[in-house]
Amino acid sequence: MTPKANYILIRPLDNEDGFLAYAIGLDGCVVEGRTEEETLANIKEAIAAWRPAAEEFETAA
């Protein structure tokens, strides 16, 4: 069964401009963006790509 991200954490990057987002519960699903809005859009795109890849990996295992 593919995990589901229940929470998204967005925080400022340390010592840089921009933001970092994590999809909690989806290992390795992490993105950056210049603004909070861009970062949120990026993590939504990453989650959409992560799920099919995880399902394919489970099938191959």
PDB file of N, CA and C in Angstrom:
ATOM      1  N   MET A   1       0.843  -1.182   0.000  1.00  0.00           N
ATOM      2  CA  MET A   1       0.000   0.000   0.000  1.00  0.00           C
ATOM      3  C   MET A   1       0.891   1.249   0.000  1.00  0.00           C
ATOM      4  N   THR A   2       0.544   2.215  -0.818  1.00  0.00           N
ATOM      5  CA  THR A   2       1.329   3.437  -0.930  1.00  0.00           C
ATOM      6  C   THR A   2       1.010   4.378   0.224  1.00  0.00           C
ATOM      7  N   PRO A   3       2.033   4.911   0.907  1.00  0.00           N
ATOM      8  CA  PRO A   3       1.786   5.869   1.991  1.00  0.00           C
ATOM      9  C   PRO A   3       1.085   7.127   1.483  1.00  0.00           C
ATOM     10  N   LYS A   4       0.436   7.789   2.388  1.00  0.00           N
ATOM     11  CA  LYS A   4      -0.264   9.031   2.061  1.00  0.00           C
ATOM     12  C   LYS A   4       0.331  10.160   2.899  1.00  0.00           C
ATOM     13  N   ALA A   5       0.608  11.286   2.250  1.00  0.00           N
ATOM     14  CA  ALA A   5       1.104  12.453   2.981  1.00  0.00           C
ATOM     15  C   ALA A   5      -0.085  13.142   3.628  1.00  0.00           C
ATOM     16  N   ASN A   6      -0.101  13.190   4.932  1.00  0.00           N
ATOM     17  CA  ASN A   6      -1.180  13.862   5.642  1.00  0.00           C
ATOM     18  C   ASN A   6      -0.845  15.314   5.933  1.00  0.00           C
ATOM     19  N   TYR A   7       0.434  15.631   5.930  1.00  0.00           N
ATOM     20  CA  TYR A   7       0.872  16.983   6.261  1.00  0.00           C
ATOM     21  C   TYR A   7       2.005  17.403   5.338  1.00  0.00           C
ATOM     22  N   ILE A   8       2.040  18.682   5.054  1.00  0.00           N
ATOM     23  CA  ILE A   8       3.146  19.276   4.314  1.00  0.00           C
ATOM     24  C   ILE A   8       3.757  20.328   5.218  1.00  0.00           C
ATOM     25  N   LEU A   9       5.056  20.258   5.404  1.00  0.00           N
ATOM     26  CA  LEU A   9       5.779  21.223   6.228  1.00  0.00           C
ATOM     27  C   LEU A   9       6.567  22.136   5.305  1.00  0.00           C
ATOM     28  N   ILE A  10       6.339  23.449   5.403  1.00  0.00           N
ATOM     29  CA  ILE A  10       7.098  24.429   4.634  1.00  0.00           C
ATOM     30  C   ILE A  10       7.835  25.316   5.625  1.00  0.00           C
ATOM     31  N   ARG A  11       9.140  25.462   5.420  1.00  0.00           N
ATOM     32  CA  ARG A  11       9.932  26.309   6.316  1.00  0.00           C
ATOM     33  C   ARG A  11      10.956  27.086   5.504  1.00  0.00           C
ATOM     34  N   PRO A  12      11.416  28.221   6.033  1.00  0.00           N
ATOM     35  CA  PRO A  12      12.460  28.990   5.340  1.00  0.00           C
ATOM     36  C   PRO A  12      13.755  28.186   5.272  1.00  0.00           C
ATOM     37  N   LEU A  13      14.489  28.364   4.189  1.00  0.00           N
ATOM     38  CA  LEU A  13      15.807  27.742   4.074  1.00  0.00           C
ATOM     39  C   LEU A  13      16.771  28.413   5.043  1.00  0.00           C
ATOM     40  N   ASP A  14      17.651  27.646   5.626  1.00  0.00           N
ATOM     41  CA  ASP A  14      18.677  28.194   6.513  1.00  0.00           C
ATOM     42  C   ASP A  14      19.723  28.935   5.686  1.00  0.00           C
ATOM     43  N   ASN A  15      20.020  30.163   6.067  1.00  0.00           N
ATOM     44  CA  ASN A  15      21.081  30.970   5.452  1.00  0.00           C
ATOM     45  C   ASN A  15      20.897  31.226   3.957  1.00  0.00           C
ATOM     46  N   GLU A  16      19.691  31.100   3.446  1.00  0.00           N
ATOM     47  CA  GLU A  16      19.425  31.346   2.027  1.00  0.00           C
ATOM     48  C   GLU A  16      18.021  31.923   1.882  1.00  0.00           C
ATOM     49  N   ASP A  17      17.778  32.527   0.722  1.00  0.00           N
ATOM     50  CA  ASP A  17      16.420  32.941   0.407  1.00  0.00           C
ATOM     51  C   ASP A  17      15.667  31.730  -0.118  1.00  0.00           C
ATOM     52  N   GLY A  18      14.405  31.656   0.197  1.00  0.00           N
ATOM     53  CA  GLY A  18      13.587  30.566  -0.313  1.00  0.00           C
ATOM     54  C   GLY A  18      13.037  29.698   0.801  1.00  0.00           C
ATOM     55  N   PHE A  19      12.358  28.638   0.387  1.00  0.00           N
ATOM     56  CA  PHE A  19      11.661  27.766   1.320  1.00  0.00           C
ATOM     57  C   PHE A  19      11.905  26.305   0.959  1.00  0.00           C
ATOM     58  N   LEU A  20      11.741  25.448   1.951  1.00  0.00           N
ATOM     59  CA  LEU A  20      11.885  24.012   1.810  1.00  0.00           C
ATOM     60  C   LEU A  20      10.571  23.383   2.244  1.00  0.00           C
ATOM     61  N   ALA A  21      10.093  22.383   1.500  1.00  0.00           N
ATOM     62  CA  ALA A  21       8.851  21.704   1.860  1.00  0.00           C
ATOM     63  C   ALA A  21       9.088  20.203   1.935  1.00  0.00           C
ATOM     64  N   TYR A  22       8.474  19.573   2.940  1.00  0.00           N
ATOM     65  CA  TYR A  22       8.526  18.134   3.143  1.00  0.00           C
ATOM     66  C   TYR A  22       7.104  17.590   3.098  1.00  0.00           C
ATOM     67  N   ALA A  23       6.913  16.475   2.414  1.00  0.00           N
ATOM     68  CA  ALA A  23       5.646  15.749   2.491  1.00  0.00           C
ATOM     69  C   ALA A  23       5.843  14.696   3.577  1.00  0.00           C
ATOM     70  N   ILE A  24       5.281  14.963   4.742  1.00  0.00           N
ATOM     71  CA  ILE A  24       5.460  14.070   5.882  1.00  0.00           C
ATOM     72  C   ILE A  24       4.846  12.710   5.547  1.00  0.00           C
ATOM     73  N   GLY A  25       5.615  11.650   5.729  1.00  0.00           N
ATOM     74  CA  GLY A  25       5.146  10.301   5.452  1.00  0.00           C
ATOM     75  C   GLY A  25       5.550   9.775   4.087  1.00  0.00           C
ATOM     76  N   LEU A  26       6.091  10.635   3.231  1.00  0.00           N
ATOM     77  CA  LEU A  26       6.551  10.204   1.912  1.00  0.00           C
ATOM     78  C   LEU A  26       8.067  10.380   1.868  1.00  0.00           C
ATOM     79  N   ASP A  27       8.784   9.315   2.168  1.00  0.00           N
ATOM     80  CA  ASP A  27      10.244   9.382   2.271  1.00  0.00           C
ATOM     81  C   ASP A  27      10.872   9.988   1.023  1.00  0.00           C
ATOM     82  N   GLY A  28      11.698  10.993   1.224  1.00  0.00           N
ATOM     83  CA  GLY A  28      12.431  11.619   0.140  1.00  0.00           C
ATOM     84  C   GLY A  28      11.654  12.630  -0.667  1.00  0.00           C
ATOM     85  N   CYS A  29      10.430  12.912  -0.278  1.00  0.00           N
ATOM     86  CA  CYS A  29       9.602  13.870  -1.021  1.00  0.00           C
ATOM     87  C   CYS A  29       9.827  15.260  -0.426  1.00  0.00           C
ATOM     88  N   VAL A  30      10.856  15.933  -0.958  1.00  0.00           N
ATOM     89  CA  VAL A  30      11.308  17.227  -0.448  1.00  0.00           C
ATOM     90  C   VAL A  30      11.590  18.134  -1.641  1.00  0.00           C
ATOM     91  N   VAL A  31      11.173  19.395  -1.555  1.00  0.00           N
ATOM     92  CA  VAL A  31      11.404  20.355  -2.641  1.00  0.00           C
ATOM     93  C   VAL A  31      11.800  21.709  -2.075  1.00  0.00           C
ATOM     94  N   GLU A  32      12.293  22.576  -2.964  1.00  0.00           N
ATOM     95  CA  GLU A  32      12.599  23.964  -2.628  1.00  0.00           C
ATOM     96  C   GLU A  32      11.809  24.880  -3.543  1.00  0.00           C
ATOM     97  N   GLY A  33      11.677  26.133  -3.118  1.00  0.00           N
ATOM     98  CA  GLY A  33      11.055  27.154  -3.948  1.00  0.00           C
ATOM     99  C   GLY A  33      11.489  28.529  -3.495  1.00  0.00           C
ATOM    100  N   ARG A  34      11.322  29.518  -4.371  1.00  0.00           N
ATOM    101  CA  ARG A  34      11.715  30.892  -4.024  1.00  0.00           C
ATOM    102  C   ARG A  34      10.700  31.559  -3.104  1.00  0.00           C
ATOM    103  N   THR A  35       9.415  31.210  -3.264  1.00  0.00           N
ATOM    104  CA  THR A  35       8.352  31.778  -2.429  1.00  0.00           C
ATOM    105  C   THR A  35       7.569  30.629  -1.800  1.00  0.00           C
ATOM    106  N   GLU A  36       6.752  30.943  -0.795  1.00  0.00           N
ATOM    107  CA  GLU A  36       5.912  29.904  -0.195  1.00  0.00           C
ATOM    108  C   GLU A  36       4.956  29.318  -1.226  1.00  0.00           C
ATOM    109  N   GLU A  37       4.404  30.177  -2.082  1.00  0.00           N
ATOM    110  CA  GLU A  37       3.452  29.724  -3.090  1.00  0.00           C
ATOM    111  C   GLU A  37       4.119  28.782  -4.092  1.00  0.00           C
ATOM    112  N   GLU A  38       5.317  29.153  -4.543  1.00  0.00           N
ATOM    113  CA  GLU A  38       6.056  28.296  -5.476  1.00  0.00           C
ATOM    114  C   GLU A  38       6.408  26.972  -4.819  1.00  0.00           C
ATOM    115  N   THR A  39       6.809  27.021  -3.563  1.00  0.00           N
ATOM    116  CA  THR A  39       7.181  25.812  -2.838  1.00  0.00           C
ATOM    117  C   THR A  39       5.985  24.888  -2.678  1.00  0.00           C
ATOM    118  N   LEU A  40       4.824  25.445  -2.368  1.00  0.00           N
ATOM    119  CA  LEU A  40       3.615  24.634  -2.237  1.00  0.00           C
ATOM    120  C   LEU A  40       3.263  23.982  -3.571  1.00  0.00           C
ATOM    121  N   ALA A  41       3.353  24.731  -4.656  1.00  0.00           N
ATOM    122  CA  ALA A  41       3.082  24.164  -5.982  1.00  0.00           C
ATOM    123  C   ALA A  41       4.080  23.047  -6.300  1.00  0.00           C
ATOM    124  N   ASN A  42       5.346  23.262  -5.951  1.00  0.00           N
ATOM    125  CA  ASN A  42       6.382  22.257  -6.206  1.00  0.00           C
ATOM    126  C   ASN A  42       6.137  20.975  -5.419  1.00  0.00           C
ATOM    127  N   ILE A  43       5.719  21.093  -4.150  1.00  0.00           N
ATOM    128  CA  ILE A  43       5.517  19.881  -3.347  1.00  0.00           C
ATOM    129  C   ILE A  43       4.285  19.124  -3.828  1.00  0.00           C
ATOM    130  N   LYS A  44       3.265  19.838  -4.269  1.00  0.00           N
ATOM    131  CA  LYS A  44       2.084  19.152  -4.818  1.00  0.00           C
ATOM    132  C   LYS A  44       2.465  18.357  -6.062  1.00  0.00           C
ATOM    133  N   GLU A  45       3.305  18.939  -6.900  1.00  0.00           N
ATOM    134  CA  GLU A  45       3.786  18.248  -8.102  1.00  0.00           C
ATOM    135  C   GLU A  45       4.647  17.042  -7.722  1.00  0.00           C
ATOM    136  N   ALA A  46       5.497  17.212  -6.724  1.00  0.00           N
ATOM    137  CA  ALA A  46       6.361  16.118  -6.280  1.00  0.00           C
ATOM    138  C   ALA A  46       5.544  14.969  -5.699  1.00  0.00           C
ATOM    139  N   ILE A  47       4.501  15.286  -4.933  1.00  0.00           N
ATOM    140  CA  ILE A  47       3.635  14.247  -4.366  1.00  0.00           C
ATOM    141  C   ILE A  47       2.948  13.475  -5.488  1.00  0.00           C
ATOM    142  N   ALA A  48       2.467  14.196  -6.489  1.00  0.00           N
ATOM    143  CA  ALA A  48       1.794  13.550  -7.620  1.00  0.00           C
ATOM    144  C   ALA A  48       2.740  12.599  -8.355  1.00  0.00           C
ATOM    145  N   ALA A  49       4.021  12.936  -8.436  1.00  0.00           N
ATOM    146  CA  ALA A  49       5.003  12.073  -9.096  1.00  0.00           C
ATOM    147  C   ALA A  49       5.482  10.954  -8.173  1.00  0.00           C
ATOM    148  N   TRP A  50       5.515  11.210  -6.876  1.00  0.00           N
ATOM    149  CA  TRP A  50       6.035  10.248  -5.906  1.00  0.00           C
ATOM    150  C   TRP A  50       5.156   9.011  -5.824  1.00  0.00           C
ATOM    151  N   ARG A  51       3.855   9.204  -5.790  1.00  0.00           N
ATOM    152  CA  ARG A  51       2.933   8.080  -5.587  1.00  0.00           C
ATOM    153  C   ARG A  51       3.045   7.009  -6.673  1.00  0.00           C
ATOM    154  N   PRO A  52       2.978   7.366  -7.970  1.00  0.00           N
ATOM    155  CA  PRO A  52       3.118   6.317  -8.989  1.00  0.00           C
ATOM    156  C   PRO A  52       4.482   5.623  -8.937  1.00  0.00           C
ATOM    157  N   ALA A  53       5.527   6.376  -8.633  1.00  0.00           N
ATOM    158  CA  ALA A  53       6.861   5.780  -8.532  1.00  0.00           C
ATOM    159  C   ALA A  53       6.911   4.787  -7.377  1.00  0.00           C
ATOM    160  N   ALA A  54       6.298   5.116  -6.257  1.00  0.00           N
ATOM    161  CA  ALA A  54       6.281   4.219  -5.101  1.00  0.00           C
ATOM    162  C   ALA A  54       5.486   2.955  -5.412  1.00  0.00           C
ATOM    163  N   GLU A  55       4.359   3.107  -6.096  1.00  0.00           N
ATOM    164  CA  GLU A  55       3.552   1.942  -6.461  1.00  0.00           C
ATOM    165  C   GLU A  55       4.323   1.035  -7.417  1.00  0.00           C
ATOM    166  N   GLU A  56       5.035   1.626  -8.370  1.00  0.00           N
ATOM    167  CA  GLU A  56       5.830   0.841  -9.310  1.00  0.00           C
ATOM    168  C   GLU A  56       6.946   0.102  -8.577  1.00  0.00           C
ATOM    169  N   PHE A  57       7.576   0.769  -7.627  1.00  0.00           N
ATOM    170  CA  PHE A  57       8.652   0.149  -6.856  1.00  0.00           C
ATOM    171  C   PHE A  57       8.117  -1.023  -6.046  1.00  0.00           C
ATOM    172  N   GLU A  58       6.945  -0.865  -5.424  1.00  0.00           N
ATOM    173  CA  GLU A  58       6.344  -1.943  -4.636  1.00  0.00           C
ATOM    174  C   GLU A  58       6.031  -3.143  -5.517  1.00  0.00           C
ATOM    175  N   THR A  59       5.562  -2.894  -6.729  1.00  0.00           N
ATOM    176  CA  THR A  59       5.224  -3.970  -7.654  1.00  0.00           C
ATOM    177  C   THR A  59       6.475  -4.733  -8.071  1.00  0.00           C
ATOM    178  N   ALA A  60       7.575  -4.015  -8.246  1.00  0.00           N
ATOM    179  CA  ALA A  60       8.824  -4.639  -8.678  1.00  0.00           C
ATOM    180  C   ALA A  60       9.513  -5.400  -7.550  1.00  0.00           C
ATOM    181  N   ALA A  61       9.199  -5.070  -6.306  1.00  0.00           N
ATOM    182  CA  ALA A  61       9.884  -5.691  -5.158  1.00  0.00           C
ATOM    183  C   ALA A  61       9.437  -7.112  -4.913  1.00  0.00           C
TER     184      ALA A  61
END
